[in-house]
Amino acid sequence: MDTPKTAEFALIGKSVIIKGELSGSEDLYVDGQVEGTIELQGNSLIIGPHGQVRANVNVKGVVVHGKLEGNIRASERAELKKSAIAMGDIVTQRVAIEDGAYFKGKVDIQKESAKPEAPPASRFQPKAEARSATAPVASASAAATSAAAASASSSSAASSVGAKTPVTETK
């Protein structure tokens, strides 16, 4: 991913300066200056050694050789080479930071896909059943409260018997 290997890539050369929103459906190699936003959701971005990017980046994969100021959201991978200077947050599945690279920000590693998150939701369903099982306990304690209130209105001997009855019911 260091140098684009296919014919379907765009090149922004050293002398090119772009300000605004950059989007596309092919890989992009930036060796010039870009300021704004870069949206290449299904494609990769390579910031060359002379590249200077001040933008939030939303791509499939990114390799930084030059300078990047802005947040990176890479659906697959973010890689900072030893010559990289990156300032901003990274959200990705995989990250590689070479020795010597400068990075200031936070890294948030995401799970590979939304599909693995579905089984934990099904694991929480038994807890919902446990909650419905606790409802009769709440009813039993309400019945115990009613029994305690009824025993309080009767004689003192009956109230001590009533106090023992809720303890037996909860066990």
Foldseek 3Di string as FASTA:
>chain_A
DQDDDDPFEAEADQVDAEEEEAEDAGEYEYLHEYEEEYHHQAYEYEDDQNYAYEYEYHYQEYEYQHEYEHEYEHAAEYEYDLNYAYEEEYEYQYYYYDPNHHYHYYYHHDDNDCVVVVVVVVVCVVVVVVVVVCVVVVVLVVVLVVLLVVQVPDDPVSNVVSVVVSVVVND
